[in-house]
Amino acid sequence: MSKVKNIIVLDDPEFLRYSQDGTVSREMIERRGFTCPHCHGAGQVVTDGPSGELIKAQCPICLGFGTLKARVVIEWMPDERNAKY
């Protein structure tokens, strides 16, 4: 079966700035629209109630939106293993 994959390609950063936490630069990538695997995009889940009736509740994973987003943070920092001095 065919599958769509998202790939992140790392390349040397063009602009660098030093942060107080020791990182040299930080990048953030967000992708939206992934179907929630818990509720399958419905935004709600159905469970059995105490007396056997079906109860619809907001999905605890996607909080009722039906979709998820992915956030990838890349932090650039010195590589101490390759010190030349």
PDB file of N, CA and C in Angstrom:
ATOM      1  N   MET A   1       0.838  -1.170   0.000  1.00  0.00           N
ATOM      2  CA  MET A   1       0.000   0.000   0.000  1.00  0.00           C
ATOM      3  C   MET A   1       0.891   1.243   0.000  1.00  0.00           C
ATOM      4  N   SER A   2       0.507   2.236  -0.762  1.00  0.00           N
ATOM      5  CA  SER A   2       1.261   3.492  -0.814  1.00  0.00           C
ATOM      6  C   SER A   2       1.048   4.291   0.461  1.00  0.00           C
ATOM      7  N   LYS A   3       2.046   5.083   0.797  1.00  0.00           N
ATOM      8  CA  LYS A   3       1.976   5.871   2.021  1.00  0.00           C
ATOM      9  C   LYS A   3       2.654   7.213   1.788  1.00  0.00           C
ATOM     10  N   VAL A   4       2.066   8.277   2.292  1.00  0.00           N
ATOM     11  CA  VAL A   4       2.675   9.597   2.210  1.00  0.00           C
ATOM     12  C   VAL A   4       3.515   9.807   3.455  1.00  0.00           C
ATOM     13  N   LYS A   5       4.764  10.255   3.279  1.00  0.00           N
ATOM     14  CA  LYS A   5       5.653  10.500   4.412  1.00  0.00           C
ATOM     15  C   LYS A   5       6.152  11.937   4.353  1.00  0.00           C
ATOM     16  N   ASN A   6       6.241  12.560   5.521  1.00  0.00           N
ATOM     17  CA  ASN A   6       6.851  13.872   5.632  1.00  0.00           C
ATOM     18  C   ASN A   6       8.279  13.677   6.096  1.00  0.00           C
ATOM     19  N   ILE A   7       9.220  14.333   5.436  1.00  0.00           N
ATOM     20  CA  ILE A   7      10.628  14.187   5.750  1.00  0.00           C
ATOM     21  C   ILE A   7      11.209  15.563   6.065  1.00  0.00           C
ATOM     22  N   ILE A   8      12.000  15.639   7.132  1.00  0.00           N
ATOM     23  CA  ILE A   8      12.697  16.870   7.481  1.00  0.00           C
ATOM     24  C   ILE A   8      14.150  16.707   7.058  1.00  0.00           C
ATOM     25  N   VAL A   9      14.633  17.650   6.276  1.00  0.00           N
ATOM     26  CA  VAL A   9      16.019  17.634   5.824  1.00  0.00           C
ATOM     27  C   VAL A   9      16.769  18.699   6.617  1.00  0.00           C
ATOM     28  N   LEU A  10      17.804  18.289   7.352  1.00  0.00           N
ATOM     29  CA  LEU A  10      18.608  19.233   8.118  1.00  0.00           C
ATOM     30  C   LEU A  10      19.695  19.815   7.228  1.00  0.00           C
ATOM     31  N   ASP A  11      19.819  21.129   7.287  1.00  0.00           N
ATOM     32  CA  ASP A  11      20.850  21.830   6.545  1.00  0.00           C
ATOM     33  C   ASP A  11      21.493  22.839   7.479  1.00  0.00           C
ATOM     34  N   ASP A  12      22.733  23.226   7.214  1.00  0.00           N
ATOM     35  CA  ASP A  12      23.400  24.210   8.061  1.00  0.00           C
ATOM     36  C   ASP A  12      22.554  25.476   8.140  1.00  0.00           C
ATOM     37  N   PRO A  13      22.372  26.018   9.344  1.00  0.00           N
ATOM     38  CA  PRO A  13      21.568  27.233   9.474  1.00  0.00           C
ATOM     39  C   PRO A  13      22.283  28.432   8.851  1.00  0.00           C
ATOM     40  N   GLU A  14      21.501  29.313   8.219  1.00  0.00           N
ATOM     41  CA  GLU A  14      22.078  30.504   7.593  1.00  0.00           C
ATOM     42  C   GLU A  14      22.337  31.606   8.610  1.00  0.00           C
ATOM     43  N   PHE A  15      21.425  31.791   9.533  1.00  0.00           N
ATOM     44  CA  PHE A  15      21.548  32.850  10.521  1.00  0.00           C
ATOM     45  C   PHE A  15      21.602  32.236  11.911  1.00  0.00           C
ATOM     46  N   LEU A  16      22.572  32.647  12.692  1.00  0.00           N
ATOM     47  CA  LEU A  16      22.734  32.105  14.037  1.00  0.00           C
ATOM     48  C   LEU A  16      22.652  33.238  15.051  1.00  0.00           C
ATOM     49  N   ARG A  17      22.091  32.942  16.200  1.00  0.00           N
ATOM     50  CA  ARG A  17      22.088  33.895  17.299  1.00  0.00           C
ATOM     51  C   ARG A  17      22.211  33.105  18.596  1.00  0.00           C
ATOM     52  N   TYR A  18      22.955  33.637  19.525  1.00  0.00           N
ATOM     53  CA  TYR A  18      23.205  32.964  20.789  1.00  0.00           C
ATOM     54  C   TYR A  18      22.066  33.236  21.759  1.00  0.00           C
ATOM     55  N   SER A  19      21.597  32.199  22.461  1.00  0.00           N
ATOM     56  CA  SER A  19      20.561  32.339  23.476  1.00  0.00           C
ATOM     57  C   SER A  19      21.154  32.088  24.851  1.00  0.00           C
ATOM     58  N   GLN A  20      20.486  32.582  25.869  1.00  0.00           N
ATOM     59  CA  GLN A  20      20.969  32.423  27.238  1.00  0.00           C
ATOM     60  C   GLN A  20      20.963  30.963  27.695  1.00  0.00           C
ATOM     61  N   ASP A  21      20.148  30.104  27.071  1.00  0.00           N
ATOM     62  CA  ASP A  21      20.092  28.699  27.488  1.00  0.00           C
ATOM     63  C   ASP A  21      21.200  27.846  26.872  1.00  0.00           C
ATOM     64  N   GLY A  22      22.139  28.456  26.141  1.00  0.00           N
ATOM     65  CA  GLY A  22      23.268  27.724  25.586  1.00  0.00           C
ATOM     66  C   GLY A  22      23.084  27.275  24.155  1.00  0.00           C
ATOM     67  N   THR A  23      21.890  27.437  23.601  1.00  0.00           N
ATOM     68  CA  THR A  23      21.691  27.069  22.209  1.00  0.00           C
ATOM     69  C   THR A  23      22.142  28.217  21.326  1.00  0.00           C
ATOM     70  N   VAL A  24      22.556  27.885  20.135  1.00  0.00           N
ATOM     71  CA  VAL A  24      23.000  28.898  19.193  1.00  0.00           C
ATOM     72  C   VAL A  24      21.819  29.380  18.364  1.00  0.00           C
ATOM     73  N   SER A  25      20.945  28.489  17.998  1.00  0.00           N
ATOM     74  CA  SER A  25      19.780  28.856  17.200  1.00  0.00           C
ATOM     75  C   SER A  25      18.702  27.790  17.393  1.00  0.00           C
ATOM     76  N   ARG A  26      17.466  28.170  17.176  1.00  0.00           N
ATOM     77  CA  ARG A  26      16.340  27.250  17.357  1.00  0.00           C
ATOM     78  C   ARG A  26      15.375  27.420  16.192  1.00  0.00           C
ATOM     79  N   GLU A  27      14.920  26.305  15.657  1.00  0.00           N
ATOM     80  CA  GLU A  27      13.925  26.308  14.586  1.00  0.00           C
ATOM     81  C   GLU A  27      12.708  25.527  15.053  1.00  0.00           C
ATOM     82  N   MET A  28      11.534  25.893  14.569  1.00  0.00           N
ATOM     83  CA  MET A  28      10.324  25.149  14.896  1.00  0.00           C
ATOM     84  C   MET A  28       9.530  24.926  13.612  1.00  0.00           C
ATOM     85  N   ILE A  29       9.102  23.703  13.428  1.00  0.00           N
ATOM     86  CA  ILE A  29       8.308  23.333  12.261  1.00  0.00           C
ATOM     87  C   ILE A  29       6.999  22.740  12.777  1.00  0.00           C
ATOM     88  N   GLU A  30       5.868  23.205  12.254  1.00  0.00           N
ATOM     89  CA  GLU A  30       4.566  22.651  12.626  1.00  0.00           C
ATOM     90  C   GLU A  30       3.846  22.145  11.390  1.00  0.00           C
ATOM     91  N   ARG A  31       3.219  20.996  11.533  1.00  0.00           N
ATOM     92  CA  ARG A  31       2.375  20.438  10.477  1.00  0.00           C
ATOM     93  C   ARG A  31       1.032  20.098  11.106  1.00  0.00           C
ATOM     94  N   ARG A  32      -0.034  20.476  10.433  1.00  0.00           N
ATOM     95  CA  ARG A  32      -1.386  20.292  10.965  1.00  0.00           C
ATOM     96  C   ARG A  32      -2.179  19.309  10.112  1.00  0.00           C
ATOM     97  N   GLY A  33      -3.316  18.903  10.658  1.00  0.00           N
ATOM     98  CA  GLY A  33      -4.262  18.114   9.884  1.00  0.00           C
ATOM     99  C   GLY A  33      -4.111  16.612   9.983  1.00  0.00           C
ATOM    100  N   PHE A  34      -3.394  16.109  10.988  1.00  0.00           N
ATOM    101  CA  PHE A  34      -3.292  14.662  11.168  1.00  0.00           C
ATOM    102  C   PHE A  34      -4.551  14.164  11.868  1.00  0.00           C
ATOM    103  N   THR A  35      -5.181  13.159  11.331  1.00  0.00           N
ATOM    104  CA  THR A  35      -6.396  12.604  11.931  1.00  0.00           C
ATOM    105  C   THR A  35      -6.080  11.975  13.277  1.00  0.00           C
ATOM    106  N   CYS A  36      -6.885  12.287  14.274  1.00  0.00           N
ATOM    107  CA  CYS A  36      -6.684  11.736  15.613  1.00  0.00           C
ATOM    108  C   CYS A  36      -6.855  10.215  15.572  1.00  0.00           C
ATOM    109  N   PRO A  37      -5.863   9.460  16.033  1.00  0.00           N
ATOM    110  CA  PRO A  37      -5.975   8.005  15.991  1.00  0.00           C
ATOM    111  C   PRO A  37      -6.910   7.442  17.058  1.00  0.00           C
ATOM    112  N   HIS A  38      -7.238   8.241  18.065  1.00  0.00           N
ATOM    113  CA  HIS A  38      -8.100   7.758  19.151  1.00  0.00           C
ATOM    114  C   HIS A  38      -9.585   7.795  18.757  1.00  0.00           C
ATOM    115  N   CYS A  39     -10.028   8.923  18.199  1.00  0.00           N
ATOM    116  CA  CYS A  39     -11.447   9.066  17.826  1.00  0.00           C
ATOM    117  C   CYS A  39     -11.660   8.956  16.322  1.00  0.00           C
ATOM    118  N   HIS A  40     -10.572   8.758  15.563  1.00  0.00           N
ATOM    119  CA  HIS A  40     -10.610   8.623  14.102  1.00  0.00           C
ATOM    120  C   HIS A  40     -11.217   9.852  13.429  1.00  0.00           C
ATOM    121  N   GLY A  41     -10.976  11.027  14.013  1.00  0.00           N
ATOM    122  CA  GLY A  41     -11.422  12.281  13.415  1.00  0.00           C
ATOM    123  C   GLY A  41     -12.814  12.725  13.811  1.00  0.00           C
ATOM    124  N   ALA A  42     -13.513  11.949  14.629  1.00  0.00           N
ATOM    125  CA  ALA A  42     -14.878  12.304  15.017  1.00  0.00           C
ATOM    126  C   ALA A  42     -14.915  13.391  16.095  1.00  0.00           C
ATOM    127  N   GLY A  43     -13.858  13.509  16.872  1.00  0.00           N
ATOM    128  CA  GLY A  43     -13.818  14.503  17.936  1.00  0.00           C
ATOM    129  C   GLY A  43     -14.486  14.041  19.218  1.00  0.00           C
ATOM    130  N   GLN A  44     -15.092  12.894  19.179  1.00  0.00           N
ATOM    131  CA  GLN A  44     -15.744  12.356  20.374  1.00  0.00           C
ATOM    132  C   GLN A  44     -15.594  10.842  20.413  1.00  0.00           C
ATOM    133  N   VAL A  45     -15.699  10.295  21.590  1.00  0.00           N
ATOM    134  CA  VAL A  45     -15.632   8.847  21.778  1.00  0.00           C
ATOM    135  C   VAL A  45     -16.932   8.383  22.431  1.00  0.00           C
ATOM    136  N   VAL A  46     -17.294   7.161  22.151  1.00  0.00           N
ATOM    137  CA  VAL A  46     -18.526   6.584  22.697  1.00  0.00           C
ATOM    138  C   VAL A  46     -18.139   5.507  23.706  1.00  0.00           C
ATOM    139  N   THR A  47     -18.702   5.606  24.902  1.00  0.00           N
ATOM    140  CA  THR A  47     -18.432   4.619  25.952  1.00  0.00           C
ATOM    141  C   THR A  47     -19.756   4.113  26.515  1.00  0.00           C
ATOM    142  N   ASP A  48     -19.684   2.995  27.216  1.00  0.00           N
ATOM    143  CA  ASP A  48     -20.873   2.458  27.873  1.00  0.00           C
ATOM    144  C   ASP A  48     -21.079   3.160  29.199  1.00  0.00           C
ATOM    145  N   GLY A  49     -22.317   3.608  29.443  1.00  0.00           N
ATOM    146  CA  GLY A  49     -22.653   4.241  30.709  1.00  0.00           C
ATOM    147  C   GLY A  49     -22.905   3.206  31.793  1.00  0.00           C
ATOM    148  N   PRO A  50     -23.190   3.658  33.006  1.00  0.00           N
ATOM    149  CA  PRO A  50     -23.388   2.734  34.120  1.00  0.00           C
ATOM    150  C   PRO A  50     -24.579   1.782  33.933  1.00  0.00           C
ATOM    151  N   SER A  51     -25.588   2.220  33.227  1.00  0.00           N
ATOM    152  CA  SER A  51     -26.753   1.346  33.036  1.00  0.00           C
ATOM    153  C   SER A  51     -26.831   0.796  31.613  1.00  0.00           C
ATOM    154  N   GLY A  52     -25.698   0.795  30.912  1.00  0.00           N
ATOM    155  CA  GLY A  52     -25.646   0.188  29.588  1.00  0.00           C
ATOM    156  C   GLY A  52     -25.913   1.135  28.436  1.00  0.00           C
ATOM    157  N   GLU A  53     -26.315   2.372  28.699  1.00  0.00           N
ATOM    158  CA  GLU A  53     -26.570   3.317  27.607  1.00  0.00           C
ATOM    159  C   GLU A  53     -25.239   3.830  27.050  1.00  0.00           C
ATOM    160  N   LEU A  54     -25.279   4.294  25.814  1.00  0.00           N
ATOM    161  CA  LEU A  54     -24.077   4.821  25.178  1.00  0.00           C
ATOM    162  C   LEU A  54     -23.924   6.299  25.524  1.00  0.00           C
ATOM    163  N   ILE A  55     -22.733   6.674  25.921  1.00  0.00           N
ATOM    164  CA  ILE A  55     -22.451   8.058  26.293  1.00  0.00           C
ATOM    165  C   ILE A  55     -21.379   8.588  25.350  1.00  0.00           C
ATOM    166  N   LYS A  56     -21.661   9.753  24.727  1.00  0.00           N
ATOM    167  CA  LYS A  56     -20.680  10.415  23.873  1.00  0.00           C
ATOM    168  C   LYS A  56     -19.926  11.432  24.716  1.00  0.00           C
ATOM    169  N   ALA A  57     -18.606  11.415  24.601  1.00  0.00           N
ATOM    170  CA  ALA A  57     -17.767  12.351  25.357  1.00  0.00           C
ATOM    171  C   ALA A  57     -16.697  12.911  24.434  1.00  0.00           C
ATOM    172  N   GLN A  58     -16.205  14.082  24.778  1.00  0.00           N
ATOM    173  CA  GLN A  58     -15.133  14.715  24.014  1.00  0.00           C
ATOM    174  C   GLN A  58     -13.890  13.827  24.052  1.00  0.00           C
ATOM    175  N   CYS A  59     -13.228  13.700  22.925  1.00  0.00           N
ATOM    176  CA  CYS A  59     -12.006  12.892  22.845  1.00  0.00           C
ATOM    177  C   CYS A  59     -10.930  13.509  23.740  1.00  0.00           C
ATOM    178  N   PRO A  60     -10.321  12.715  24.624  1.00  0.00           N
ATOM    179  CA  PRO A  60      -9.302  13.258  25.520  1.00  0.00           C
ATOM    180  C   PRO A  60      -7.955  13.529  24.829  1.00  0.00           C
ATOM    181  N   ILE A  61      -7.777  13.018  23.632  1.00  0.00           N
ATOM    182  CA  ILE A  61      -6.507  13.200  22.920  1.00  0.00           C
ATOM    183  C   ILE A  61      -6.521  14.482  22.082  1.00  0.00           C
ATOM    184  N   CYS A  62      -7.541  14.664  21.249  1.00  0.00           N
ATOM    185  CA  CYS A  62      -7.606  15.832  20.367  1.00  0.00           C
ATOM    186  C   CYS A  62      -8.496  16.944  20.918  1.00  0.00           C
ATOM    187  N   LEU A  63      -9.071  16.716  22.095  1.00  0.00           N
ATOM    188  CA  LEU A  63      -9.949  17.691  22.772  1.00  0.00           C
ATOM    189  C   LEU A  63     -11.140  18.115  21.919  1.00  0.00           C
ATOM    190  N   GLY A  64     -11.622  17.187  21.092  1.00  0.00           N
ATOM    191  CA  GLY A  64     -12.820  17.433  20.306  1.00  0.00           C
ATOM    192  C   GLY A  64     -12.585  18.015  18.930  1.00  0.00           C
ATOM    193  N   PHE A  65     -11.346  18.316  18.564  1.00  0.00           N
ATOM    194  CA  PHE A  65     -11.062  18.903  17.253  1.00  0.00           C
ATOM    195  C   PHE A  65     -11.021  17.860  16.140  1.00  0.00           C
ATOM    196  N   GLY A  66     -10.709  16.628  16.465  1.00  0.00           N
ATOM    197  CA  GLY A  66     -10.650  15.566  15.468  1.00  0.00           C
ATOM    198  C   GLY A  66      -9.318  15.457  14.747  1.00  0.00           C
ATOM    199  N   THR A  67      -8.480  16.467  14.887  1.00  0.00           N
ATOM    200  CA  THR A  67      -7.170  16.447  14.240  1.00  0.00           C
ATOM    201  C   THR A  67      -6.080  16.810  15.246  1.00  0.00           C
ATOM    202  N   LEU A  68      -4.856  16.441  14.908  1.00  0.00           N
ATOM    203  CA  LEU A  68      -3.694  16.748  15.729  1.00  0.00           C
ATOM    204  C   LEU A  68      -2.677  17.517  14.895  1.00  0.00           C
ATOM    205  N   LYS A  69      -1.776  18.211  15.566  1.00  0.00           N
ATOM    206  CA  LYS A  69      -0.664  18.842  14.870  1.00  0.00           C
ATOM    207  C   LYS A  69       0.630  18.319  15.459  1.00  0.00           C
ATOM    208  N   ALA A  70       1.673  18.347  14.645  1.00  0.00           N
ATOM    209  CA  ALA A  70       3.000  17.920  15.084  1.00  0.00           C
ATOM    210  C   ALA A  70       3.894  19.151  15.146  1.00  0.00           C
ATOM    211  N   ARG A  71       4.634  19.280  16.237  1.00  0.00           N
ATOM    212  CA  ARG A  71       5.589  20.374  16.393  1.00  0.00           C
ATOM    213  C   ARG A  71       6.972  19.772  16.617  1.00  0.00           C
ATOM    214  N   VAL A  72       7.895  20.105  15.722  1.00  0.00           N
ATOM    215  CA  VAL A  72       9.261  19.620  15.809  1.00  0.00           C
ATOM    216  C   VAL A  72      10.153  20.821  16.078  1.00  0.00           C
ATOM    217  N   VAL A  73      10.957  20.738  17.143  1.00  0.00           N
ATOM    218  CA  VAL A  73      11.875  21.820  17.499  1.00  0.00           C
ATOM    219  C   VAL A  73      13.301  21.319  17.290  1.00  0.00           C
ATOM    220  N   ILE A  74      14.078  22.097  16.539  1.00  0.00           N
ATOM    221  CA  ILE A  74      15.473  21.768  16.287  1.00  0.00           C
ATOM    222  C   ILE A  74      16.319  22.828  16.971  1.00  0.00           C
ATOM    223  N   GLU A  75      17.220  22.394  17.842  1.00  0.00           N
ATOM    224  CA  GLU A  75      18.111  23.309  18.553  1.00  0.00           C
ATOM    225  C   GLU A  75      19.538  23.081  18.070  1.00  0.00           C
ATOM    226  N   TRP A  76      20.159  24.150  17.587  1.00  0.00           N
ATOM    227  CA  TRP A  76      21.552  24.093  17.157  1.00  0.00           C
ATOM    228  C   TRP A  76      22.415  24.539  18.321  1.00  0.00           C
ATOM    229  N   MET A  77      23.467  23.771  18.610  1.00  0.00           N
ATOM    230  CA  MET A  77      24.365  24.104  19.710  1.00  0.00           C
ATOM    231  C   MET A  77      25.760  23.590  19.393  1.00  0.00           C
ATOM    232  N   PRO A  78      26.762  24.044  20.140  1.00  0.00           N
ATOM    233  CA  PRO A  78      28.129  23.584  19.875  1.00  0.00           C
ATOM    234  C   PRO A  78      28.257  22.074  20.053  1.00  0.00           C
ATOM    235  N   ASP A  79      29.067  21.464  19.212  1.00  0.00           N
ATOM    236  CA  ASP A  79      29.346  20.030  19.291  1.00  0.00           C
ATOM    237  C   ASP A  79      30.697  19.854  19.976  1.00  0.00           C
ATOM    238  N   GLU A  80      30.672  19.652  21.278  1.00  0.00           N
ATOM    239  CA  GLU A  80      31.898  19.584  22.072  1.00  0.00           C
ATOM    240  C   GLU A  80      32.801  18.426  21.649  1.00  0.00           C
ATOM    241  N   ARG A  81      32.230  17.383  21.071  1.00  0.00           N
ATOM    242  CA  ARG A  81      33.034  16.223  20.683  1.00  0.00           C
ATOM    243  C   ARG A  81      34.025  16.555  19.577  1.00  0.00           C
ATOM    244  N   ASN A  82      33.720  17.551  18.781  1.00  0.00           N
ATOM    245  CA  ASN A  82      34.580  17.893  17.644  1.00  0.00           C
ATOM    246  C   ASN A  82      35.418  19.145  17.911  1.00  0.00           C
ATOM    247  N   ALA A  83      35.728  19.410  19.176  1.00  0.00           N
ATOM    248  CA  ALA A  83      36.524  20.599  19.504  1.00  0.00           C
ATOM    249  C   ALA A  83      37.909  20.489  18.889  1.00  0.00           C
ATOM    250  N   LYS A  84      38.349  21.583  18.278  1.00  0.00           N
ATOM    251  CA  LYS A  84      39.652  21.590  17.593  1.00  0.00           C
ATOM    252  C   LYS A  84      40.705  22.316  18.408  1.00  0.00           C
ATOM    253  N   TYR A  85      40.309  22.942  19.510  1.00  0.00           N
ATOM    254  CA  TYR A  85      41.282  23.709  20.306  1.00  0.00           C
ATOM    255  C   TYR A  85      41.345  23.183  21.711  1.00  0.00           C
TER     256      TYR A  85
END
